Amino acid sequence: AAPDPRPELPPLGSGSCITCEEYAAVRKQGLSSHLLVDVRERVQFDLCHLPDSLHVPLAHIDKHVADVAAAAAERGVSDIYVICRRGRQSKTGARVLIQAAAAGALGGV
């Protein structure tokens, strides 16, 4: 396995990752139930992305935690899901957001 790109971040708990199939079930509940953050680079996002997803490239997520929190608050949701192409970047992005939540920046991921 490749080395952890952000070893200083807390690890994800067992309940912090879901499969594509599980997310599809969440999505069927409606877009008002959660916020989806896409952490892929702009070119990948522009090629294809899920409607109503918030684009925050992983390289910039540290600087946009407040924007993610504001988008969640604007939508009135506390569930935030992070997506990428293969899952590795989304896990790192989720870890950044979870760490920020511990400081009170977010309601939950």
Protein backbone atom coordinates (compact mmCIF):
# COMPACT_ATOMS: atom_id res chain seq x y z
CA ALA A 1 0.00 0.00 0.00
CA ALA A 2 1.09 3.55 -0.67
CA PRO A 3 2.19 5.62 2.30
CA ASP A 4 -0.42 7.79 4.01
CA PRO A 5 -0.27 11.27 2.38
CA ARG A 6 -1.37 12.96 5.62
CA PRO A 7 -0.13 10.84 8.54
CA GLU A 8 -0.79 13.69 11.00
CA LEU A 9 -4.55 13.32 10.55
CA PRO A 10 -6.62 11.01 12.75
CA PRO A 11 -7.57 7.69 11.12
CA LEU A 12 -11.14 7.16 9.94
CA GLY A 13 -13.33 5.08 12.20
CA SER A 14 -15.02 1.97 10.86
CA GLY A 15 -18.33 3.81 10.41
CA SER A 16 -16.76 6.66 8.44
CA CYS A 17 -16.53 4.91 5.06
CA ILE A 18 -19.36 3.74 2.86
CA THR A 19 -19.52 1.91 -0.45
CA CYS A 20 -20.87 3.37 -3.67
CA GLU A 21 -23.96 1.21 -3.24
CA GLU A 22 -24.53 2.56 0.27
CA TYR A 23 -24.14 6.13 -0.98
CA ALA A 24 -26.62 5.44 -3.78
CA ALA A 25 -29.17 4.53 -1.10
CA VAL A 26 -28.42 7.79 0.74
CA ARG A 27 -28.79 9.74 -2.49
CA LYS A 28 -32.23 8.20 -3.08
CA GLN A 29 -33.34 9.88 0.17
CA GLY A 30 -32.87 13.16 -1.64
CA LEU A 31 -30.22 15.80 -2.00
CA SER A 32 -31.60 17.73 0.95
CA SER A 33 -30.42 15.00 3.34
CA HIS A 34 -26.68 15.61 2.94
CA LEU A 35 -23.82 17.50 1.30
CA LEU A 36 -21.54 15.79 -1.20
CA VAL A 37 -17.99 17.16 -1.49
CA ASP A 38 -16.02 16.12 -4.58
CA VAL A 39 -12.26 16.36 -3.93
CA ARG A 40 -11.00 15.48 -7.42
CA GLU A 41 -9.03 17.95 -9.52
CA ARG A 42 -10.98 20.41 -11.70
CA VAL A 43 -10.37 18.54 -14.96
CA GLN A 44 -11.83 15.32 -13.51
CA PHE A 45 -14.75 17.17 -11.95
CA ASP A 46 -15.51 18.94 -15.25
CA LEU A 47 -15.51 15.62 -17.14
CA CYS A 48 -18.16 14.10 -14.90
CA HIS A 49 -19.66 14.82 -11.50
CA LEU A 50 -22.82 14.21 -9.55
CA PRO A 51 -25.35 17.05 -9.59
CA ASP A 52 -25.30 19.40 -6.60
CA SER A 53 -21.87 18.25 -5.45
CA LEU A 54 -19.55 20.87 -3.99
CA HIS A 55 -16.16 20.91 -5.72
CA VAL A 56 -13.24 21.40 -3.32
CA PRO A 57 -10.00 19.87 -4.65
CA LEU A 58 -8.15 17.88 -2.00
CA ALA A 59 -5.09 20.11 -2.40
CA HIS A 60 -7.20 23.06 -1.17
CA ILE A 61 -9.55 21.43 1.33
CA ASP A 62 -7.66 22.73 4.36
CA LYS A 63 -8.34 26.28 3.19
CA HIS A 64 -12.04 25.63 2.47
CA VAL A 65 -13.26 23.84 5.58
CA ALA A 66 -15.33 26.90 6.49
CA ASP A 67 -16.87 26.90 2.98
CA VAL A 68 -17.87 23.24 3.41
CA ALA A 69 -19.37 24.01 6.82
CA ALA A 70 -21.24 27.01 5.37
CA ALA A 71 -22.61 24.93 2.47
CA ALA A 72 -23.82 22.27 4.91
CA ALA A 73 -25.42 24.91 7.12
CA GLU A 74 -27.04 26.59 4.11
CA ARG A 75 -28.60 23.28 3.12
CA GLY A 76 -29.54 22.54 6.73
CA VAL A 77 -27.66 19.22 6.80
CA SER A 78 -25.14 17.67 9.13
CA ASP A 79 -24.19 14.65 6.99
CA ILE A 80 -21.26 15.33 4.68
CA TYR A 81 -19.97 12.74 2.22
CA VAL A 82 -16.66 13.06 0.39
CA ILE A 83 -16.14 11.51 -3.03
CA CYS A 84 -13.24 11.04 -5.43
CA ARG A 85 -12.31 8.68 -8.24
CA ARG A 86 -10.97 5.70 -6.29
CA GLY A 87 -11.61 6.40 -2.62
CA ARG A 88 -8.14 7.28 -1.36
CA GLN A 89 -8.45 11.07 -1.74
CA SER A 90 -11.97 11.05 -0.34
CA LYS A 91 -10.73 9.31 2.78
CA THR A 92 -8.04 11.95 3.23
CA GLY A 93 -10.57 14.72 2.62
CA ALA A 94 -12.93 13.20 5.16
CA ARG A 95 -10.13 13.02 7.69
CA VAL A 96 -9.43 16.75 7.20
CA LEU A 97 -13.10 17.56 7.72
CA ILE A 98 -13.41 15.28 10.74
CA GLN A 99 -10.38 16.91 12.35
CA ALA A 100 -11.99 20.30 11.75
CA ALA A 101 -15.24 19.04 13.26
CA ALA A 102 -13.39 18.23 16.46
CA ALA A 103 -12.57 21.95 16.63
CA GLY A 104 -16.24 22.82 16.09
CA ALA A 105 -16.04 23.73 12.40
CA LEU A 106 -18.51 21.11 11.17
CA GLY A 107 -21.55 19.28 12.48
CA GLY A 108 -20.36 15.90 11.26
CA VAL A 109 -19.13 13.80 8.38
